[in-house]
Protein backbone atom coordinates (compact mmCIF):
# COMPACT_ATOMS: atom_id res chain seq x y z
CA MET A 1 11.15 -33.09 -9.88
CA ILE A 2 10.61 -29.32 -9.68
CA LYS A 3 11.45 -27.66 -6.42
CA MET A 4 8.16 -25.49 -5.45
CA THR A 5 7.98 -22.40 -4.90
CA GLY A 6 7.81 -21.72 -1.26
CA ARG A 7 6.09 -25.17 -0.34
CA GLY A 8 7.33 -28.07 1.85
CA ALA A 9 6.11 -31.13 0.19
CA LEU A 10 7.81 -31.82 -3.24
CA GLU A 11 4.81 -33.86 -4.31
CA ASN A 12 0.74 -34.32 -4.44
CA PRO A 13 0.46 -38.62 -3.49
CA THR A 14 -2.90 -39.56 -3.62
CA GLY A 15 -4.90 -39.93 -0.22
CA ARG A 16 -4.67 -43.21 1.64
CA PHE A 17 -8.64 -43.80 1.67
CA GLU A 18 -8.85 -43.19 -1.97
CA LYS A 19 -9.96 -45.88 -4.06
CA ILE A 20 -9.12 -44.00 -7.42
CA GLU A 21 -5.42 -42.90 -8.44
CA VAL A 22 -4.70 -40.27 -10.89
CA VAL A 23 -1.61 -40.88 -12.78
CA SER A 24 -0.03 -37.98 -14.37
CA ASP A 25 1.61 -37.87 -17.93
CA PRO A 26 5.16 -38.20 -17.78
CA GLU A 27 5.47 -35.28 -19.45
CA TRP A 28 3.50 -33.04 -17.10
CA ALA A 29 4.86 -31.40 -14.41
CA LEU A 30 3.43 -29.44 -11.61
CA PRO A 31 3.88 -25.52 -11.77
CA ASP A 32 6.49 -23.86 -10.14
CA GLY A 33 4.75 -22.40 -7.64
CA VAL A 34 1.32 -23.45 -6.39
CA PRO A 35 -1.34 -21.15 -5.53
CA THR A 36 -2.92 -21.58 -2.36
CA VAL A 37 -6.99 -21.98 -2.45
CA PHE A 38 -9.17 -21.00 1.03
CA LEU A 39 -12.16 -23.03 1.17
CA LYS A 40 -15.35 -22.19 3.27
CA ASP A 41 -15.15 -25.27 6.46
CA ASN A 42 -19.18 -25.20 7.65
CA THR A 43 -18.53 -27.38 10.73
CA GLN A 44 -21.18 -26.29 13.43
CA GLU A 45 -18.37 -27.50 16.41
CA ILE A 46 -14.90 -25.33 17.13
CA VAL A 47 -13.94 -27.55 19.82
CA ALA A 48 -12.24 -30.67 19.35
CA THR A 49 -11.41 -32.84 22.13
CA ASN A 50 -9.19 -35.78 22.69
CA ASP A 51 -8.06 -38.68 24.84
CA SER A 52 -4.49 -38.80 24.12
CA PRO A 53 -2.58 -39.41 27.33
CA ASP A 54 0.48 -37.84 26.21
CA VAL A 55 -0.47 -34.72 24.27
CA GLY A 56 -1.00 -32.13 27.71
CA PHE A 57 -4.21 -30.94 26.68
CA ASP A 58 -8.30 -32.30 26.42
CA ALA A 59 -9.60 -29.37 24.04
CA SER A 60 -8.09 -27.41 21.43
CA VAL A 61 -9.89 -24.72 18.89
CA ASN A 62 -8.66 -24.06 15.47
CA PRO A 63 -10.20 -22.01 12.61
CA TYR A 64 -8.11 -23.70 9.98
CA ARG A 65 -7.72 -27.22 9.00
CA GLY A 66 -4.25 -27.47 6.63
CA CYS A 67 -1.48 -25.12 6.99
CA GLU A 68 0.24 -22.79 4.91
CA HIS A 69 3.65 -22.72 6.79
CA GLY A 70 4.49 -26.06 5.02
CA CYS A 71 6.47 -27.17 7.42
CA ILE A 72 7.31 -30.55 5.75
CA TYR A 73 7.62 -32.85 8.88
CA CYS A 74 4.13 -31.91 10.06
CA PHE A 75 2.53 -34.90 11.73
CA ALA A 76 -1.09 -33.10 10.83
CA ARG A 77 -0.51 -33.78 6.92
CA PRO A 78 -2.83 -36.81 6.84
CA THR A 79 -5.67 -35.08 8.51
CA HIS A 80 -6.49 -33.59 4.90
CA GLU A 81 -6.54 -37.20 3.63
CA TYR A 82 -10.23 -37.62 5.73
CA LEU A 83 -11.23 -34.78 3.63
CA GLY A 84 -10.53 -36.59 0.34
CA MET A 85 -7.75 -34.32 -0.04
CA SER A 86 -3.39 -35.18 -0.38
CA CYS A 87 -1.10 -35.03 2.43
CA GLY A 88 1.36 -33.60 0.44
CA LEU A 89 0.88 -30.09 -1.73
CA ASP A 90 -2.69 -30.06 -0.53
CA PHE A 91 -2.66 -29.53 3.22
CA GLU A 92 -0.51 -26.83 2.35
CA SER A 93 -2.32 -25.30 -0.67
CA LYS A 94 -5.78 -26.21 0.18
CA ILE A 95 -7.08 -24.23 3.33
CA LEU A 96 -10.24 -24.89 5.05
CA VAL A 97 -11.36 -21.80 7.01
CA LYS A 98 -13.81 -21.85 10.07
CA MET A 99 -15.86 -18.27 9.63
CA GLU A 100 -17.44 -18.86 12.22
CA ALA A 101 -15.18 -20.17 14.33
CA PRO A 102 -15.79 -16.98 16.93
CA ALA A 103 -19.37 -17.15 17.00
CA LEU A 104 -19.17 -20.75 17.47
CA LEU A 105 -16.88 -20.74 20.52
CA ARG A 106 -18.82 -18.00 21.95
CA LYS A 107 -21.86 -20.72 21.95
CA LYS A 108 -20.02 -23.64 23.47
CA LEU A 109 -18.85 -21.02 26.35
CA SER A 110 -22.19 -19.87 26.80
CA SER A 111 -23.65 -23.57 26.72
CA LYS A 112 -24.33 -25.43 30.33
CA SER A 113 -22.62 -28.14 29.22
CA TRP A 114 -19.26 -26.34 29.07
CA LYS A 115 -17.00 -26.96 32.03
CA PRO A 116 -13.93 -24.41 32.04
CA GLN A 117 -10.85 -25.67 30.96
CA VAL A 118 -7.79 -24.92 29.39
CA VAL A 119 -8.03 -24.48 25.50
CA LEU A 120 -5.53 -24.72 23.38
CA MET A 121 -4.76 -23.23 19.94
CA SER A 122 -2.53 -24.77 17.20
CA GLY A 123 -3.08 -28.26 18.46
CA VAL A 124 -2.96 -29.33 14.98
CA THR A 125 -2.12 -26.78 12.73
CA ASP A 126 -0.89 -22.88 13.42
CA CYS A 127 -3.66 -20.45 14.10
CA TYR A 128 -0.99 -17.64 13.21
CA GLN A 129 -0.55 -18.72 9.46
CA PRO A 130 -0.06 -16.50 6.84
CA ILE A 131 -3.82 -15.89 6.38
CA GLU A 132 -4.70 -15.46 9.87
CA ARG A 133 -3.41 -11.69 9.06
CA LYS A 134 -6.40 -10.81 6.89
CA LEU A 135 -9.23 -12.56 8.63
CA LYS A 136 -8.04 -12.29 12.54
CA LEU A 137 -10.29 -15.68 12.87
CA THR A 138 -7.87 -16.55 15.42
CA ARG A 139 -7.79 -12.95 17.00
CA GLN A 140 -11.41 -12.82 17.57
CA CYS A 141 -11.36 -16.64 19.13
CA LEU A 142 -9.03 -15.03 21.57
CA GLU A 143 -11.09 -12.04 22.54
CA VAL A 144 -14.00 -14.46 22.82
CA LEU A 145 -11.78 -16.23 25.25
CA ALA A 146 -10.90 -12.68 27.00
CA GLU A 147 -14.45 -12.12 27.49
CA PHE A 148 -15.37 -15.01 29.20
CA ARG A 149 -11.84 -15.84 31.12
CA ASN A 150 -11.49 -18.74 29.85
CA PRO A 151 -7.44 -20.00 29.71
CA VAL A 152 -5.40 -20.84 26.66
CA GLY A 153 -2.01 -21.99 25.64
CA ILE A 154 -1.17 -21.18 22.13
CA ILE A 155 1.82 -22.81 19.67
CA THR A 156 2.93 -21.19 16.80
CA LYS A 157 5.65 -20.75 14.25
CA ASN A 158 4.97 -17.20 13.17
CA HIS A 159 5.70 -13.87 14.86
CA LEU A 160 2.26 -12.50 14.27
CA ILE A 161 1.05 -13.72 17.21
CA THR A 162 2.77 -10.23 18.35
CA ARG A 163 -0.35 -8.42 16.64
CA ASP A 164 -2.48 -9.59 19.21
CA MET A 165 -0.53 -8.49 22.58
CA ASP A 166 -3.64 -6.65 23.87
CA VAL A 167 -5.90 -9.31 23.70
CA LEU A 168 -2.89 -11.64 25.34
CA GLN A 169 -1.91 -9.32 27.91
CA GLU A 170 -5.78 -9.04 29.02
CA LEU A 171 -5.66 -12.85 29.26
CA ALA A 172 -2.56 -12.91 31.34
CA ARG A 173 -4.26 -10.80 33.97
CA PHE A 174 -5.95 -13.86 35.40
CA LYS A 175 -3.33 -16.53 34.52
CA GLY A 176 -5.24 -17.29 31.39
CA VAL A 177 -2.75 -17.51 28.70
CA ARG A 178 0.59 -19.12 28.21
CA VAL A 179 2.51 -18.98 24.89
CA ILE A 180 5.06 -21.45 23.03
CA ILE A 181 6.76 -20.47 20.59
CA SER A 182 8.02 -23.25 17.98
CA LEU A 183 11.77 -22.88 17.15
CA THR A 184 13.38 -25.83 15.42
CA THR A 185 16.50 -24.34 13.97
CA LEU A 186 18.47 -21.07 13.86
CA ASP A 187 19.85 -22.22 10.35
CA GLU A 188 17.69 -19.72 8.08
CA SER A 189 18.89 -21.89 5.25
CA LEU A 190 17.54 -24.62 6.62
CA ARG A 191 14.34 -22.99 8.02
CA HIS A 192 13.68 -21.76 4.29
CA VAL A 193 13.20 -25.08 2.75
CA MET A 194 11.98 -27.24 5.99
CA GLU A 195 9.24 -24.83 7.09
CA PRO A 196 8.94 -22.25 3.92
CA ARG A 197 6.34 -20.00 4.84
CA ALA A 198 6.72 -19.65 8.67
CA SER A 199 8.57 -17.25 10.52
CA THR A 200 12.67 -16.94 10.61
CA PRO A 201 14.17 -17.88 13.69
CA GLN A 202 15.03 -14.46 13.99
CA LEU A 203 11.39 -13.15 13.85
CA ARG A 204 10.49 -16.04 16.74
CA LEU A 205 13.16 -15.07 19.39
CA GLU A 206 11.98 -11.51 18.68
CA ALA A 207 8.25 -12.78 19.38
CA ILE A 208 9.41 -13.98 22.27
CA GLN A 209 11.21 -11.31 23.68
CA LYS A 210 8.19 -9.15 22.86
CA LEU A 211 6.06 -11.59 24.53
CA SER A 212 8.38 -11.83 27.64
CA ALA A 213 8.58 -8.23 27.97
CA ALA A 214 5.00 -7.47 27.85
CA GLY A 215 4.48 -9.91 30.91
CA VAL A 216 2.58 -12.78 28.75
CA PRO A 217 4.08 -16.06 30.04
CA VAL A 218 6.22 -17.69 27.20
CA GLY A 219 8.14 -20.44 26.30
CA VAL A 220 10.09 -22.35 23.36
CA MET A 221 9.12 -25.63 22.08
CA MET A 222 12.19 -27.43 19.90
CA GLY A 223 9.35 -29.72 18.12
CA PRO A 224 10.74 -31.48 16.16
CA ILE A 225 14.10 -32.47 17.08
CA ILE A 226 15.38 -34.20 13.76
CA PRO A 227 18.05 -36.18 14.86
CA GLY A 228 21.18 -36.43 12.43
CA LEU A 229 20.05 -33.03 10.84
CA THR A 230 18.83 -30.89 13.96
CA ASP A 231 19.99 -32.32 17.33
CA HIS A 232 23.10 -30.77 17.64
CA GLU A 233 21.56 -27.35 17.93
CA ILE A 234 19.78 -28.08 21.16
CA ASP A 235 22.01 -25.57 23.11
CA ALA A 236 21.89 -23.01 21.25
CA VAL A 237 18.24 -22.96 20.47
CA LEU A 238 17.55 -22.72 24.30
CA LYS A 239 20.36 -20.12 25.19
CA ASN A 240 18.97 -17.96 22.67
CA ALA A 241 15.30 -18.44 23.66
CA ALA A 242 16.51 -18.03 27.18
CA ALA A 243 18.42 -14.35 26.09
CA ALA A 244 15.20 -13.50 24.58
CA GLY A 245 13.07 -14.50 27.87
CA ALA A 246 11.57 -17.32 27.28
CA LYS A 247 10.57 -19.06 31.07
CA PHE A 248 10.49 -22.98 30.06
CA ALA A 249 11.44 -25.45 27.24
CA HIS A 250 10.12 -28.52 25.82
CA TYR A 251 10.65 -30.93 22.62
CA THR A 252 9.74 -33.41 20.67
CA VAL A 253 11.40 -35.89 18.48
CA LEU A 254 10.38 -36.22 14.80
CA ARG A 255 7.62 -38.58 14.02
CA LEU A 256 6.53 -39.71 10.76
CA PRO A 257 2.85 -41.47 10.31
CA TYR A 258 1.21 -42.55 7.02
CA GLY A 259 2.18 -40.36 3.95
CA VAL A 260 4.42 -38.14 6.06
CA LYS A 261 7.40 -40.68 6.07
CA ASP A 262 6.96 -40.87 2.40
CA LEU A 263 7.41 -36.70 1.62
CA PHE A 264 10.22 -36.43 4.08
CA GLN A 265 12.16 -38.65 2.38
CA THR A 266 11.39 -37.59 -0.57
CA TRP A 267 12.86 -34.00 0.58
CA LEU A 268 15.91 -35.38 2.40
CA GLN A 269 16.86 -36.79 -0.86
CA THR A 270 16.38 -33.26 -2.53
CA HIS A 271 17.69 -30.69 0.10
CA TYR A 272 20.04 -32.87 2.31
CA PRO A 273 21.23 -36.29 0.44
CA ASP A 274 24.32 -36.73 2.66
CA ARG A 275 22.63 -36.46 5.51
CA LYS A 276 19.92 -38.82 4.13
CA ASN A 277 20.45 -42.46 5.47
CA LYS A 278 22.27 -40.70 8.96
CA VAL A 279 18.65 -39.27 9.85
CA LEU A 280 16.69 -42.18 8.77
CA ASN A 281 19.38 -44.56 10.71
CA HIS A 282 18.66 -42.83 13.66
CA LEU A 283 15.37 -42.62 13.50
CA ARG A 284 14.97 -46.36 12.82
CA ASP A 285 17.00 -46.78 15.89
CA MET A 286 14.26 -44.66 18.37
CA ARG A 287 11.39 -46.45 16.53
CA ASP A 288 12.21 -50.29 17.06
CA GLY A 289 13.45 -50.22 13.51
CA LYS A 290 10.55 -48.08 11.81
CA LEU A 291 10.47 -45.00 10.83
CA ASN A 292 7.23 -44.20 13.23
CA ASN A 293 5.81 -45.93 15.94
CA PRO A 294 2.39 -44.49 17.02
CA GLU A 295 2.24 -45.67 20.77
CA PHE A 296 1.00 -43.47 23.37
CA GLY A 297 4.37 -42.46 25.57
CA ARG A 298 6.47 -43.76 22.91
CA ARG A 299 5.58 -41.55 19.60
CA MET A 300 6.72 -38.11 21.17
CA ARG A 301 10.54 -39.01 22.18
CA GLY A 302 11.19 -41.74 20.70
CA GLU A 303 13.23 -44.75 23.37
CA GLY A 304 16.76 -46.73 22.79
CA GLU A 305 20.47 -44.85 23.38
CA TYR A 306 20.01 -42.08 20.68
CA ALA A 307 16.62 -40.95 22.34
CA GLU A 308 18.26 -40.80 25.81
CA VAL A 309 21.13 -39.09 24.18
CA ILE A 310 18.74 -36.36 23.45
CA SER A 311 16.58 -36.35 26.36
CA GLN A 312 20.00 -36.00 28.72
CA LEU A 313 21.24 -33.44 26.53
CA PHE A 314 18.19 -31.19 26.31
CA THR A 315 17.70 -31.76 30.26
CA LEU A 316 21.21 -30.49 30.49
CA SER A 317 20.83 -27.39 28.37
CA LYS A 318 17.58 -26.58 30.28
CA LYS A 319 19.80 -26.02 33.27
CA ARG A 320 22.15 -24.67 32.03
CA HIS A 321 20.36 -21.78 30.79
CA GLY A 322 17.63 -21.66 33.53
CA LEU A 323 14.82 -23.16 31.88
CA ASP A 324 14.22 -26.01 33.88
CA LYS A 325 11.22 -24.41 35.97
CA SER A 326 7.98 -25.80 35.83
CA ASP A 327 5.55 -24.45 33.30
CA VAL A 328 3.36 -21.61 33.77
CA SER A 329 0.44 -23.16 35.46
CA LEU A 330 -3.16 -21.71 34.07
CA SER A 331 -6.17 -21.43 35.94
CA ILE A 332 -10.14 -21.00 35.39
CA LYS A 333 -10.75 -19.92 38.92
CA SER A 334 -11.68 -16.30 36.80
CA PHE A 335 -14.05 -18.17 34.39
CA ARG A 336 -17.25 -16.05 33.86
CA CYS A 337 -20.71 -15.87 31.80
CA PRO A 338 -20.82 -12.42 30.32
CA GLY A 339 -24.02 -11.19 31.84
CA GLU A 340 -24.73 -13.14 34.55
CA GLY A 341 -22.73 -11.70 36.95
CA LYS A 342 -20.94 -14.88 38.28
CA GLN A 343 -17.38 -16.41 38.28
CA LEU A 344 -16.69 -20.14 38.72
CA SER A 345 -15.06 -21.07 42.15
CA LEU A 346 -12.97 -24.10 42.10
CA LEU A 347 -13.62 -27.29 44.31
């Protein structure tokens, strides 16, 4: 199997909804370097809602579907199968772009049916993936949110968020923003093959430092923690994040829905064959003997003895480095519809 240049997935399996499977000639091989293709997404609804009790938000916005960061563990990979594509290389090389996202968001916030609430950006794929540098759709969406003073939470692995410091500072003036930088490892060699097109660990720490210095509330997410591969870094990650200016910390444990479990096992065998069995056995111990458990309340953290070890270590490390304070609360008090001259009052 050829190692893809700048890609996380090493294969492109048939989607679980497809009735036809394309079988390649044994002599055929994928090129070393799969180009990224951007496709127009003509969606007419930009705010997605969910009722999952363990995700911490009800509404989310993202101008992109699929993610060029290519994180091998990404639980969002199977969403590409709803589009008739693969959760493998397709997910990170065929990116759907919602060019009308800012206009759609403005329309939504202006509607009488909109109830001001915290909106999350990057609830699924990263809103600051590489193409954002050119298209600036995330920035335009943040400008709309700032104009309406609707609070937003942002999760990203990309230093590019610092480009939009002016908008983030404006949002922060009325308790309208909190940022979480996802930092899974401090090991650049691991990051390089695990999250091939995301920012380096050092750049993510620099992003935390810049955001904190600018007065933008920022924390760190170690998500996911991979037992047997990154769990030994918990204290070091939190120590460095706190030193950079993070004020709070969260974590999730690796989960492998649908085809992600096969992609991840292939990746382990290719890059870390000596740790493969250790990682998979720990996961099975935390997931009732399986590699994934989708049940609410159990899917994010796992359960059992090893899950408890991770939980206790993370809790102790948070306290040691001053990250055990409550997360930043956001407010809808300042919400307004531009031009109407009125603000929303909390009951």
